[in-house]
């Protein structure tokens, strides 16, 4: 009898994704995994929304917020690459 470990299937990343739950481009199942964004060859950690096919990201402008408390964002165009970061390995006991 073989002991098969269940393979964790990672979801495919959508072309456009937003961290705002009110957005139509928010996919909660994706955020169960650690999503990484590489913009123009450098990894960014402050991305609010991205679109790969149109080549842009939205990032907050400092600590400025609108009257509803949401961060003001600016759209930056460039090369966008989204990826799922591998889960950290459990330390050996």
N, C-alpha and C. Protein backbone atom coordinates (compact mmCIF):
# COMPACT_ATOMS: atom_id res chain seq x y z
N UNK A 1 0.84 -1.16 0.00
CA UNK A 1 0.00 0.00 0.00
C UNK A 1 0.90 1.24 0.00
N UNK A 2 0.59 2.17 -0.89
CA UNK A 2 1.40 3.39 -0.97
C UNK A 2 0.74 4.49 -0.16
N UNK A 3 1.56 5.28 0.45
CA UNK A 3 1.07 6.37 1.27
C UNK A 3 1.13 7.64 0.44
N UNK A 4 0.02 8.03 -0.16
CA UNK A 4 -0.01 9.20 -1.03
C UNK A 4 -0.34 10.44 -0.20
N UNK A 5 0.48 11.45 -0.34
CA UNK A 5 0.19 12.70 0.34
C UNK A 5 -0.69 13.54 -0.58
N UNK A 6 -1.69 14.19 -0.04
CA UNK A 6 -2.57 14.98 -0.90
C UNK A 6 -1.82 16.17 -1.49
N UNK A 7 -1.90 16.30 -2.79
CA UNK A 7 -1.23 17.41 -3.46
C UNK A 7 -2.06 18.67 -3.28
N UNK A 8 -1.41 19.72 -2.84
CA UNK A 8 -2.13 20.97 -2.66
C UNK A 8 -2.18 21.66 -4.01
N UNK A 9 -3.37 21.82 -4.54
CA UNK A 9 -3.53 22.47 -5.82
C UNK A 9 -3.68 23.97 -5.59
N UNK A 10 -2.82 24.71 -6.22
CA UNK A 10 -2.86 26.15 -6.09
C UNK A 10 -3.82 26.71 -7.13
N UNK A 11 -4.65 27.68 -6.77
CA UNK A 11 -5.58 28.25 -7.73
C UNK A 11 -4.83 29.09 -8.78
N UNK A 12 -5.41 29.18 -9.95
CA UNK A 12 -4.83 30.01 -10.99
C UNK A 12 -5.10 31.48 -10.66
N UNK A 13 -4.11 32.31 -10.84
CA UNK A 13 -4.29 33.73 -10.55
C UNK A 13 -5.07 34.40 -11.67
N UNK A 14 -6.04 35.25 -11.33
CA UNK A 14 -6.81 35.95 -12.36
C UNK A 14 -5.98 37.05 -13.01
N UNK A 15 -6.45 37.54 -14.15
CA UNK A 15 -5.78 38.63 -14.86
C UNK A 15 -5.84 39.92 -14.06
N UNK A 16 -6.93 40.12 -13.33
CA UNK A 16 -7.10 41.33 -12.53
C UNK A 16 -7.56 40.92 -11.13
N UNK A 17 -6.93 41.50 -10.11
CA UNK A 17 -7.23 41.13 -8.73
C UNK A 17 -7.13 42.36 -7.84
N UNK A 18 -8.05 42.45 -6.88
CA UNK A 18 -8.07 43.56 -5.94
C UNK A 18 -8.12 43.03 -4.51
N UNK A 19 -7.50 43.75 -3.58
CA UNK A 19 -7.54 43.35 -2.17
C UNK A 19 -8.79 43.87 -1.48
N UNK A 20 -9.50 44.81 -2.10
CA UNK A 20 -10.71 45.40 -1.53
C UNK A 20 -11.88 44.44 -1.68
N UNK A 21 -12.48 43.98 -0.57
CA UNK A 21 -13.59 43.03 -0.67
C UNK A 21 -14.83 43.58 -1.37
N UNK A 22 -14.97 44.89 -1.46
CA UNK A 22 -16.12 45.49 -2.15
C UNK A 22 -15.95 45.51 -3.66
N UNK A 23 -14.75 45.26 -4.14
CA UNK A 23 -14.47 45.30 -5.57
C UNK A 23 -15.01 44.06 -6.28
N UNK A 24 -15.48 44.21 -7.53
CA UNK A 24 -15.90 43.03 -8.29
C UNK A 24 -14.72 42.15 -8.70
N UNK A 25 -13.50 42.65 -8.53
CA UNK A 25 -12.30 41.90 -8.90
C UNK A 25 -11.64 41.24 -7.70
N UNK A 26 -12.34 41.19 -6.57
CA UNK A 26 -11.82 40.54 -5.36
C UNK A 26 -12.22 39.06 -5.38
N UNK A 27 -11.23 38.18 -5.21
CA UNK A 27 -11.47 36.73 -5.16
C UNK A 27 -10.90 36.25 -3.82
N UNK A 28 -11.79 35.99 -2.87
CA UNK A 28 -11.36 35.64 -1.51
C UNK A 28 -10.54 34.36 -1.47
N UNK A 29 -10.83 33.38 -2.33
CA UNK A 29 -10.12 32.10 -2.32
C UNK A 29 -8.64 32.28 -2.65
N UNK A 30 -8.31 33.28 -3.44
CA UNK A 30 -6.90 33.53 -3.80
C UNK A 30 -6.11 33.97 -2.57
N UNK A 31 -6.74 34.76 -1.70
CA UNK A 31 -6.03 35.31 -0.55
C UNK A 31 -5.82 34.31 0.58
N UNK A 32 -6.26 33.07 0.40
CA UNK A 32 -5.92 32.02 1.35
C UNK A 32 -4.45 31.63 1.17
N UNK A 33 -3.87 32.02 0.05
CA UNK A 33 -2.47 31.78 -0.27
C UNK A 33 -1.75 33.13 -0.29
N UNK A 34 -0.44 33.09 -0.23
CA UNK A 34 0.36 34.31 -0.23
C UNK A 34 0.63 34.72 -1.67
N UNK A 35 0.08 35.86 -2.10
CA UNK A 35 0.22 36.34 -3.47
C UNK A 35 1.37 37.34 -3.52
N UNK A 36 2.22 37.20 -4.52
CA UNK A 36 3.32 38.12 -4.73
C UNK A 36 3.15 38.85 -6.04
N UNK A 37 3.61 40.10 -6.10
CA UNK A 37 3.53 40.90 -7.31
C UNK A 37 4.93 41.39 -7.64
N UNK A 38 5.36 41.13 -8.86
CA UNK A 38 6.64 41.65 -9.35
C UNK A 38 6.29 42.70 -10.40
N UNK A 39 6.73 43.95 -10.16
CA UNK A 39 6.44 45.07 -11.05
C UNK A 39 7.74 45.62 -11.60
N UNK A 40 7.90 45.57 -12.91
CA UNK A 40 9.13 45.99 -13.58
C UNK A 40 10.36 45.31 -12.99
N UNK A 41 10.23 44.02 -12.66
CA UNK A 41 11.35 43.23 -12.18
C UNK A 41 11.60 43.29 -10.68
N UNK A 42 10.87 44.12 -9.94
CA UNK A 42 11.07 44.22 -8.49
C UNK A 42 9.79 43.82 -7.78
N UNK A 43 9.94 43.07 -6.69
CA UNK A 43 8.77 42.64 -5.93
C UNK A 43 8.21 43.80 -5.13
N UNK A 44 6.89 43.99 -5.22
CA UNK A 44 6.21 45.07 -4.50
C UNK A 44 5.32 44.45 -3.43
N UNK A 45 5.24 45.11 -2.28
CA UNK A 45 4.46 44.61 -1.17
C UNK A 45 3.27 45.51 -0.83
N UNK A 46 3.09 46.60 -1.58
CA UNK A 46 2.05 47.57 -1.27
C UNK A 46 0.97 47.67 -2.35
N UNK A 47 0.81 46.64 -3.15
CA UNK A 47 -0.13 46.67 -4.28
C UNK A 47 -1.56 46.44 -3.78
N UNK A 48 -2.46 47.35 -4.14
CA UNK A 48 -3.88 47.23 -3.79
C UNK A 48 -4.66 46.47 -4.87
N UNK A 49 -4.26 46.66 -6.13
CA UNK A 49 -4.95 46.03 -7.26
C UNK A 49 -3.97 45.94 -8.42
N UNK A 50 -4.15 44.92 -9.28
CA UNK A 50 -3.30 44.79 -10.45
C UNK A 50 -4.11 44.29 -11.64
N UNK A 51 -3.58 44.54 -12.83
CA UNK A 51 -4.13 43.99 -14.07
C UNK A 51 -2.94 43.62 -14.94
N UNK A 52 -2.79 42.34 -15.21
CA UNK A 52 -1.64 41.86 -15.98
C UNK A 52 -1.77 42.25 -17.45
N UNK A 53 -2.95 42.03 -18.06
CA UNK A 53 -3.10 42.27 -19.50
C UNK A 53 -2.97 43.75 -19.86
N UNK A 54 -3.44 44.64 -18.98
CA UNK A 54 -3.33 46.07 -19.26
C UNK A 54 -2.02 46.66 -18.74
N UNK A 55 -1.30 45.90 -17.89
CA UNK A 55 0.02 46.31 -17.42
C UNK A 55 0.01 47.47 -16.44
N UNK A 56 -0.77 47.36 -15.35
CA UNK A 56 -0.77 48.40 -14.33
C UNK A 56 -1.01 47.82 -12.94
N UNK A 57 -0.61 48.61 -11.94
CA UNK A 57 -0.89 48.29 -10.54
C UNK A 57 -1.43 49.56 -9.88
N UNK A 58 -2.18 49.38 -8.80
CA UNK A 58 -2.63 50.51 -7.97
C UNK A 58 -1.94 50.38 -6.62
N UNK A 59 -1.29 51.47 -6.22
CA UNK A 59 -0.59 51.50 -4.93
C UNK A 59 -1.07 52.72 -4.14
N UNK A 60 -1.07 52.64 -2.81
CA UNK A 60 -1.49 53.78 -2.00
C UNK A 60 -0.51 54.95 -2.11
N UNK A 61 -1.05 56.15 -1.96
CA UNK A 61 -0.25 57.38 -1.99
C UNK A 61 0.02 57.77 -0.54
N UNK A 62 1.15 57.35 -0.02
CA UNK A 62 1.50 57.67 1.37
C UNK A 62 0.47 57.15 2.34
N UNK A 63 0.12 57.97 3.32
CA UNK A 63 -0.88 57.59 4.32
C UNK A 63 -2.19 58.34 4.11
N UNK A 64 -2.33 58.96 2.95
CA UNK A 64 -3.52 59.74 2.64
C UNK A 64 -4.72 58.83 2.46
N UNK A 65 -5.85 59.22 3.07
CA UNK A 65 -7.09 58.46 2.94
C UNK A 65 -8.20 59.37 2.46
N UNK A 66 -9.22 58.77 1.85
CA UNK A 66 -10.37 59.56 1.43
C UNK A 66 -11.32 59.75 2.60
N UNK A 67 -12.46 60.37 2.37
CA UNK A 67 -13.37 60.68 3.46
C UNK A 67 -14.04 59.45 4.06
N UNK A 68 -13.94 58.32 3.38
CA UNK A 68 -14.49 57.07 3.91
C UNK A 68 -13.42 56.21 4.59
N UNK A 69 -12.18 56.72 4.65
CA UNK A 69 -11.12 56.01 5.34
C UNK A 69 -10.32 55.05 4.48
N UNK A 70 -10.62 54.99 3.19
CA UNK A 70 -9.88 54.11 2.29
C UNK A 70 -8.66 54.84 1.76
N UNK A 71 -7.56 54.14 1.54
CA UNK A 71 -6.35 54.81 1.04
C UNK A 71 -6.54 55.33 -0.38
N UNK A 72 -6.00 56.52 -0.64
CA UNK A 72 -5.98 57.04 -2.00
C UNK A 72 -4.90 56.27 -2.76
N UNK A 73 -5.21 55.91 -4.00
CA UNK A 73 -4.26 55.12 -4.77
C UNK A 73 -3.93 55.81 -6.07
N UNK A 74 -2.81 55.41 -6.65
CA UNK A 74 -2.38 55.91 -7.94
C UNK A 74 -2.09 54.69 -8.82
N UNK A 75 -2.42 54.83 -10.11
CA UNK A 75 -2.19 53.74 -11.06
C UNK A 75 -0.82 53.94 -11.71
N UNK A 76 0.01 52.89 -11.69
CA UNK A 76 1.33 52.93 -12.29
C UNK A 76 1.38 51.89 -13.39
N UNK A 77 1.85 52.28 -14.57
CA UNK A 77 1.92 51.36 -15.70
C UNK A 77 3.32 50.77 -15.81
N UNK A 78 3.36 49.50 -16.21
CA UNK A 78 4.63 48.80 -16.38
C UNK A 78 4.38 47.32 -16.58
N UNK A 79 5.40 46.51 -16.41
CA UNK A 79 5.30 45.07 -16.56
C UNK A 79 4.88 44.46 -15.23
N UNK A 80 3.76 43.73 -15.25
CA UNK A 80 3.20 43.15 -14.03
C UNK A 80 3.29 41.63 -14.12
N UNK A 81 3.78 41.01 -13.05
CA UNK A 81 3.84 39.55 -12.95
C UNK A 81 3.32 39.16 -11.57
N UNK A 82 2.28 38.35 -11.55
CA UNK A 82 1.71 37.88 -10.28
C UNK A 82 2.08 36.42 -10.09
N UNK A 83 2.34 36.04 -8.84
CA UNK A 83 2.71 34.66 -8.54
C UNK A 83 2.27 34.30 -7.14
N UNK A 84 2.13 33.03 -6.89
CA UNK A 84 1.82 32.54 -5.55
C UNK A 84 3.12 32.13 -4.89
N UNK A 85 3.35 32.66 -3.71
CA UNK A 85 4.56 32.33 -2.96
C UNK A 85 4.40 30.95 -2.36
N UNK A 86 5.46 30.14 -2.36
CA UNK A 86 5.35 28.80 -1.75
C UNK A 86 5.16 28.93 -0.23
N UNK A 87 4.42 27.97 0.30
CA UNK A 87 4.19 27.95 1.75
C UNK A 87 5.50 27.64 2.45
N UNK A 88 5.75 28.28 3.58
CA UNK A 88 6.99 27.99 4.31
C UNK A 88 7.01 26.55 4.81
N UNK A 89 8.14 25.93 4.71
CA UNK A 89 8.28 24.54 5.15
C UNK A 89 8.25 24.48 6.67
N UNK A 90 7.63 23.44 7.18
CA UNK A 90 7.57 23.25 8.63
C UNK A 90 8.95 22.84 9.12
N UNK A 91 9.38 23.39 10.25
CA UNK A 91 10.70 23.02 10.78
C UNK A 91 10.73 21.56 11.21
N UNK A 92 11.85 20.92 10.95
CA UNK A 92 12.01 19.52 11.31
C UNK A 92 12.16 19.40 12.83
N UNK A 93 11.48 18.45 13.40
CA UNK A 93 11.53 18.28 14.86
C UNK A 93 12.61 17.29 15.25
